[in-house]
């Protein structure tokens, strides 16, 4: 009653606060380029290639565009972050970018039309 329908667009992420275990199924997989704005973006990765990881994502965008990428690890119950330090080195324990998950992406500058 109080929760209206919501249409996810290409690249949208979704945070779900659940009171019990549940599975969500999505009928459509959208693989279109996405835009990322300065600051924090919640980015859905529905078309990430198998074996892709956070380090590759950072290096693809470059230290001049991105600060970090972060995910919530449901098994460990904590957030994991990989990012660039001021010297342009990648820091943090690498993690996989998995199709169907969403990530917090902290951008230094806008990046339009990102696609895998």
N, C-alpha and C. Protein backbone atom coordinates (compact mmCIF):
# COMPACT_ATOMS: atom_id res chain seq x y z
N UNK A 1 0.82 -1.20 0.00
CA UNK A 1 0.00 0.00 0.00
C UNK A 1 0.86 1.25 0.00
N UNK A 2 1.88 1.31 0.87
CA UNK A 2 2.72 2.50 0.95
C UNK A 2 3.95 2.43 0.06
N UNK A 3 4.13 1.34 -0.67
CA UNK A 3 5.31 1.18 -1.51
C UNK A 3 4.91 1.19 -2.98
N UNK A 4 5.11 2.30 -3.65
CA UNK A 4 4.73 2.36 -5.06
C UNK A 4 5.67 1.52 -5.92
N UNK A 5 5.19 1.12 -7.10
CA UNK A 5 6.05 0.43 -8.06
C UNK A 5 7.18 1.36 -8.46
N UNK A 6 8.32 0.78 -8.78
CA UNK A 6 9.47 1.57 -9.19
C UNK A 6 10.12 0.88 -10.38
N UNK A 7 10.31 1.60 -11.46
CA UNK A 7 10.97 1.05 -12.64
C UNK A 7 12.46 1.33 -12.58
N UNK A 8 13.26 0.30 -12.61
CA UNK A 8 14.71 0.47 -12.64
C UNK A 8 15.14 0.81 -14.06
N UNK A 9 15.99 1.79 -14.17
CA UNK A 9 16.55 2.18 -15.46
C UNK A 9 17.94 1.57 -15.58
N UNK A 10 18.51 1.62 -16.77
CA UNK A 10 19.85 1.09 -17.00
C UNK A 10 20.84 1.72 -16.02
N UNK A 11 21.60 0.88 -15.33
CA UNK A 11 22.61 1.34 -14.40
C UNK A 11 22.13 1.66 -13.01
N UNK A 12 20.81 1.64 -12.78
CA UNK A 12 20.29 1.92 -11.44
C UNK A 12 20.66 0.79 -10.48
N UNK A 13 20.94 1.17 -9.25
CA UNK A 13 21.12 0.20 -8.18
C UNK A 13 19.91 0.28 -7.26
N UNK A 14 19.73 -0.71 -6.45
CA UNK A 14 18.57 -0.77 -5.57
C UNK A 14 19.04 -1.29 -4.22
N UNK A 15 18.69 -0.56 -3.15
CA UNK A 15 18.98 -1.02 -1.80
C UNK A 15 17.68 -1.56 -1.22
N UNK A 16 17.73 -2.79 -0.73
CA UNK A 16 16.54 -3.42 -0.16
C UNK A 16 16.81 -3.73 1.31
N UNK A 17 15.99 -3.19 2.17
CA UNK A 17 16.05 -3.52 3.59
C UNK A 17 14.98 -4.57 3.85
N UNK A 18 15.41 -5.79 4.13
CA UNK A 18 14.47 -6.89 4.28
C UNK A 18 14.39 -7.32 5.75
N UNK A 19 13.23 -7.70 6.18
CA UNK A 19 13.03 -8.19 7.54
C UNK A 19 13.26 -9.70 7.63
N UNK A 20 13.37 -10.34 6.48
CA UNK A 20 13.63 -11.78 6.41
C UNK A 20 14.36 -12.07 5.10
N UNK A 21 14.96 -13.25 4.98
CA UNK A 21 15.62 -13.65 3.75
C UNK A 21 14.61 -13.62 2.60
N UNK A 22 15.07 -13.17 1.44
CA UNK A 22 14.21 -13.19 0.27
C UNK A 22 15.06 -13.23 -0.99
N UNK A 23 14.45 -13.64 -2.07
CA UNK A 23 15.09 -13.62 -3.38
C UNK A 23 14.30 -12.70 -4.27
N UNK A 24 15.02 -11.89 -5.04
CA UNK A 24 14.38 -11.00 -6.01
C UNK A 24 14.73 -11.49 -7.41
N UNK A 25 13.76 -11.48 -8.28
CA UNK A 25 13.99 -11.88 -9.66
C UNK A 25 13.59 -10.73 -10.57
N UNK A 26 14.45 -10.43 -11.53
CA UNK A 26 14.18 -9.36 -12.48
C UNK A 26 13.97 -9.98 -13.85
N UNK A 27 12.98 -9.48 -14.55
CA UNK A 27 12.60 -10.08 -15.82
C UNK A 27 13.46 -9.62 -16.99
N UNK A 28 14.04 -8.44 -16.90
CA UNK A 28 14.76 -7.86 -18.04
C UNK A 28 16.18 -7.51 -17.62
N UNK A 29 17.12 -7.81 -18.48
CA UNK A 29 18.51 -7.44 -18.27
C UNK A 29 18.82 -6.31 -19.25
N UNK A 30 19.13 -5.13 -18.72
CA UNK A 30 19.38 -3.95 -19.56
C UNK A 30 20.89 -3.74 -19.66
N UNK A 31 21.40 -3.74 -20.88
CA UNK A 31 22.83 -3.54 -21.11
C UNK A 31 23.03 -2.31 -21.98
N UNK A 32 22.85 -1.15 -21.37
CA UNK A 32 23.03 0.12 -22.08
C UNK A 32 24.12 0.91 -21.38
N UNK A 33 24.79 1.82 -22.07
CA UNK A 33 25.77 2.68 -21.41
C UNK A 33 25.10 3.50 -20.30
N UNK A 34 25.86 3.77 -19.24
CA UNK A 34 25.35 4.54 -18.11
C UNK A 34 26.23 5.77 -17.87
N UNK A 35 25.63 6.78 -17.25
CA UNK A 35 26.34 7.99 -16.89
C UNK A 35 26.61 7.98 -15.39
N UNK A 36 27.79 8.41 -14.98
CA UNK A 36 28.13 8.54 -13.57
C UNK A 36 28.44 10.01 -13.30
N UNK A 37 27.87 10.53 -12.22
CA UNK A 37 28.02 11.93 -11.87
C UNK A 37 29.11 12.10 -10.80
N UNK A 38 29.57 13.33 -10.60
CA UNK A 38 30.53 13.65 -9.55
C UNK A 38 29.91 13.28 -8.21
N UNK A 39 30.68 12.66 -7.33
CA UNK A 39 30.19 12.24 -6.02
C UNK A 39 29.84 10.77 -6.02
N UNK A 40 28.91 10.40 -5.14
CA UNK A 40 28.55 8.99 -4.99
C UNK A 40 27.43 8.59 -5.94
N UNK A 41 27.61 7.45 -6.59
CA UNK A 41 26.64 6.87 -7.51
C UNK A 41 26.35 5.45 -7.02
N UNK A 42 25.10 5.04 -7.04
CA UNK A 42 24.75 3.65 -6.78
C UNK A 42 24.53 3.02 -8.15
N UNK A 43 25.50 2.24 -8.58
CA UNK A 43 25.54 1.76 -9.96
C UNK A 43 25.25 0.27 -10.04
N UNK A 44 24.19 -0.09 -10.75
CA UNK A 44 23.87 -1.48 -11.02
C UNK A 44 24.74 -2.01 -12.14
N UNK A 45 25.27 -3.21 -11.97
CA UNK A 45 26.17 -3.81 -12.95
C UNK A 45 25.52 -5.06 -13.55
N UNK A 46 24.47 -4.87 -14.32
CA UNK A 46 23.75 -6.03 -14.85
C UNK A 46 24.51 -6.74 -15.97
N UNK A 47 25.48 -6.10 -16.56
CA UNK A 47 26.16 -6.71 -17.71
C UNK A 47 27.67 -6.86 -17.52
N UNK A 48 28.11 -6.92 -16.27
CA UNK A 48 29.54 -7.10 -16.01
C UNK A 48 30.01 -8.45 -16.55
N UNK A 49 31.13 -8.48 -17.25
CA UNK A 49 31.62 -9.75 -17.77
C UNK A 49 32.13 -10.66 -16.65
N UNK A 50 32.02 -11.95 -16.86
CA UNK A 50 32.49 -12.93 -15.88
C UNK A 50 33.99 -12.71 -15.63
N UNK A 51 34.38 -12.71 -14.36
CA UNK A 51 35.79 -12.56 -14.00
C UNK A 51 36.25 -11.12 -13.84
N UNK A 52 35.36 -10.15 -14.07
CA UNK A 52 35.71 -8.73 -13.94
C UNK A 52 35.83 -8.39 -12.45
N UNK A 53 36.73 -7.45 -12.12
CA UNK A 53 36.91 -7.12 -10.70
C UNK A 53 37.02 -5.61 -10.47
N UNK A 54 37.01 -5.23 -9.21
CA UNK A 54 37.02 -3.82 -8.82
C UNK A 54 38.29 -3.12 -9.30
N UNK A 55 39.41 -3.78 -9.22
CA UNK A 55 40.69 -3.20 -9.68
C UNK A 55 40.62 -2.86 -11.17
N UNK A 56 40.09 -3.77 -11.98
CA UNK A 56 39.95 -3.51 -13.41
C UNK A 56 39.03 -2.32 -13.66
N UNK A 57 37.93 -2.24 -12.90
CA UNK A 57 37.00 -1.13 -13.04
C UNK A 57 37.70 0.20 -12.77
N UNK A 58 38.46 0.27 -11.68
CA UNK A 58 39.20 1.50 -11.35
C UNK A 58 40.19 1.87 -12.46
N UNK A 59 40.96 0.90 -12.90
CA UNK A 59 41.97 1.18 -13.92
C UNK A 59 41.35 1.56 -15.26
N UNK A 60 40.17 1.02 -15.57
CA UNK A 60 39.47 1.39 -16.80
C UNK A 60 39.08 2.86 -16.77
N UNK A 61 38.56 3.32 -15.64
CA UNK A 61 38.13 4.72 -15.53
C UNK A 61 39.29 5.66 -15.28
N UNK A 62 40.28 5.26 -14.49
CA UNK A 62 41.46 6.07 -14.24
C UNK A 62 41.35 6.95 -13.01
N UNK A 63 42.50 7.22 -12.40
CA UNK A 63 42.59 7.99 -11.16
C UNK A 63 42.11 9.42 -11.32
N UNK A 64 42.06 9.94 -12.53
CA UNK A 64 41.56 11.30 -12.74
C UNK A 64 40.03 11.36 -12.71
N UNK A 65 39.36 10.22 -12.84
CA UNK A 65 37.89 10.17 -12.89
C UNK A 65 37.25 9.59 -11.62
N UNK A 66 37.86 8.55 -11.05
CA UNK A 66 37.22 7.80 -9.96
C UNK A 66 38.07 7.80 -8.70
N UNK A 67 37.39 7.83 -7.55
CA UNK A 67 38.06 7.74 -6.26
C UNK A 67 38.05 6.29 -5.78
N UNK A 68 36.85 5.67 -5.76
CA UNK A 68 36.74 4.32 -5.21
C UNK A 68 35.47 3.63 -5.69
N UNK A 69 35.46 2.32 -5.47
CA UNK A 69 34.26 1.51 -5.67
C UNK A 69 34.10 0.67 -4.41
N UNK A 70 32.85 0.51 -3.98
CA UNK A 70 32.57 -0.16 -2.72
C UNK A 70 31.39 -1.12 -2.88
N UNK A 71 31.45 -2.23 -2.15
CA UNK A 71 30.34 -3.17 -2.15
C UNK A 71 30.08 -3.64 -0.73
N UNK A 72 28.87 -4.14 -0.52
CA UNK A 72 28.53 -4.76 0.75
C UNK A 72 28.65 -6.26 0.59
N UNK A 73 29.50 -6.87 1.41
CA UNK A 73 29.69 -8.32 1.38
C UNK A 73 28.69 -8.95 2.34
N UNK A 74 27.67 -9.60 1.79
CA UNK A 74 26.61 -10.16 2.63
C UNK A 74 27.10 -11.33 3.49
N UNK A 75 28.13 -12.03 3.05
CA UNK A 75 28.65 -13.15 3.83
C UNK A 75 29.42 -12.68 5.06
N UNK A 76 30.23 -11.60 4.89
CA UNK A 76 31.03 -11.08 6.00
C UNK A 76 30.28 -10.02 6.80
N UNK A 77 29.25 -9.42 6.20
CA UNK A 77 28.48 -8.39 6.88
C UNK A 77 29.19 -7.06 6.99
N UNK A 78 30.06 -6.76 5.99
CA UNK A 78 30.75 -5.48 6.01
C UNK A 78 30.95 -4.94 4.59
N UNK A 79 31.36 -3.68 4.52
CA UNK A 79 31.65 -3.05 3.24
C UNK A 79 33.10 -3.28 2.87
N UNK A 80 33.35 -3.47 1.58
CA UNK A 80 34.70 -3.59 1.04
C UNK A 80 34.91 -2.45 0.05
N UNK A 81 36.09 -1.85 0.10
CA UNK A 81 36.38 -0.69 -0.75
C UNK A 81 37.72 -0.88 -1.44
N UNK A 82 37.76 -0.54 -2.72
CA UNK A 82 39.00 -0.48 -3.48
C UNK A 82 39.04 0.91 -4.10
N UNK A 83 40.18 1.59 -3.95
CA UNK A 83 40.27 2.95 -4.47
C UNK A 83 41.68 3.38 -4.74
N UNK A 84 41.79 4.58 -5.29
CA UNK A 84 43.09 5.18 -5.56
C UNK A 84 43.52 6.03 -4.37
N UNK A 85 44.81 5.98 -4.01
CA UNK A 85 45.33 6.93 -3.03
C UNK A 85 45.81 8.18 -3.77
N UNK A 86 46.38 9.14 -3.06
CA UNK A 86 46.80 10.39 -3.69
C UNK A 86 47.93 10.21 -4.69
N UNK A 87 48.70 9.13 -4.55
CA UNK A 87 49.79 8.85 -5.48
C UNK A 87 49.31 8.09 -6.72
N UNK A 88 48.01 7.78 -6.77
CA UNK A 88 47.47 7.07 -7.92
C UNK A 88 47.61 5.56 -7.84
N UNK A 89 47.95 5.04 -6.66
CA UNK A 89 48.08 3.60 -6.46
C UNK A 89 46.73 3.03 -6.03
N UNK A 90 46.45 1.79 -6.44
CA UNK A 90 45.21 1.13 -6.06
C UNK A 90 45.40 0.46 -4.70
N UNK A 91 44.48 0.79 -3.77
CA UNK A 91 44.53 0.22 -2.43
C UNK A 91 43.23 -0.51 -2.13
N UNK A 92 43.30 -1.49 -1.23
CA UNK A 92 42.12 -2.25 -0.82
C UNK A 92 42.15 -3.64 -1.40
N UNK A 93 41.47 -4.55 -0.72
CA UNK A 93 41.38 -5.93 -1.18
C UNK A 93 40.43 -6.00 -2.37
N UNK A 94 40.90 -6.53 -3.48
CA UNK A 94 40.11 -6.63 -4.69
C UNK A 94 38.89 -7.51 -4.46
N UNK A 95 37.82 -7.24 -5.18
CA UNK A 95 36.62 -8.07 -5.11
C UNK A 95 36.01 -8.17 -6.50
N UNK A 96 35.24 -9.21 -6.76
CA UNK A 96 34.63 -9.38 -8.08
C UNK A 96 33.49 -8.39 -8.30
N UNK A 97 33.33 -7.94 -9.54
CA UNK A 97 32.17 -7.17 -9.97
C UNK A 97 31.24 -8.21 -10.60
N UNK A 98 30.08 -8.41 -9.99
CA UNK A 98 29.20 -9.50 -10.38
C UNK A 98 27.94 -8.95 -11.05
N UNK A 99 27.62 -9.50 -12.19
CA UNK A 99 26.39 -9.10 -12.89
C UNK A 99 25.20 -9.28 -11.95
N UNK A 100 24.35 -8.26 -11.90
CA UNK A 100 23.17 -8.31 -11.06
C UNK A 100 23.35 -7.66 -9.70
N UNK A 101 24.56 -7.23 -9.36
CA UNK A 101 24.79 -6.54 -8.10
C UNK A 101 24.96 -5.05 -8.36
N UNK A 102 24.89 -4.26 -7.28
CA UNK A 102 25.08 -2.81 -7.37
C UNK A 102 26.24 -2.40 -6.47
N UNK A 103 26.88 -1.30 -6.82
CA UNK A 103 28.08 -0.84 -6.13
C UNK A 103 28.01 0.66 -5.92
N UNK A 104 28.62 1.12 -4.82
CA UNK A 104 28.79 2.55 -4.59
C UNK A 104 30.05 2.97 -5.32
N UNK A 105 29.91 3.91 -6.24
CA UNK A 105 31.05 4.39 -7.03
C UNK A 105 31.22 5.87 -6.73
N UNK A 106 32.39 6.23 -6.18
CA UNK A 106 32.70 7.62 -5.82
C UNK A 106 33.53 8.23 -6.96
N UNK A 107 32.93 9.18 -7.67
CA UNK A 107 33.56 9.77 -8.85
C UNK A 107 34.14 11.15 -8.55
N UNK A 108 35.32 11.44 -9.12
CA UNK A 108 35.93 12.78 -9.06
C UNK A 108 35.31 13.68 -10.12
N UNK A 109 35.03 13.09 -11.26
CA UNK A 109 34.43 13.85 -12.36
C UNK A 109 33.41 12.96 -13.06
N UNK A 110 32.52 13.58 -13.78
CA UNK A 110 31.47 12.83 -14.48
C UNK A 110 32.09 11.95 -15.57
N UNK A 111 31.43 10.83 -15.82
CA UNK A 111 31.85 9.92 -16.89
C UNK A 111 30.58 9.46 -17.57
N UNK A 112 30.46 9.80 -18.83
CA UNK A 112 29.25 9.46 -19.58
C UNK A 112 29.47 8.25 -20.47
N UNK A 113 28.41 7.51 -20.66
CA UNK A 113 28.38 6.37 -21.58
C UNK A 113 29.36 5.26 -21.23
N UNK A 114 29.46 4.93 -19.94
CA UNK A 114 30.28 3.80 -19.53
C UNK A 114 29.56 2.52 -19.92
N UNK A 115 30.31 1.60 -20.49
CA UNK A 115 29.79 0.26 -20.77
C UNK A 115 30.94 -0.72 -20.76
N UNK A 116 30.59 -1.98 -20.53
CA UNK A 116 31.60 -3.05 -20.51
C UNK A 116 31.93 -3.46 -21.91
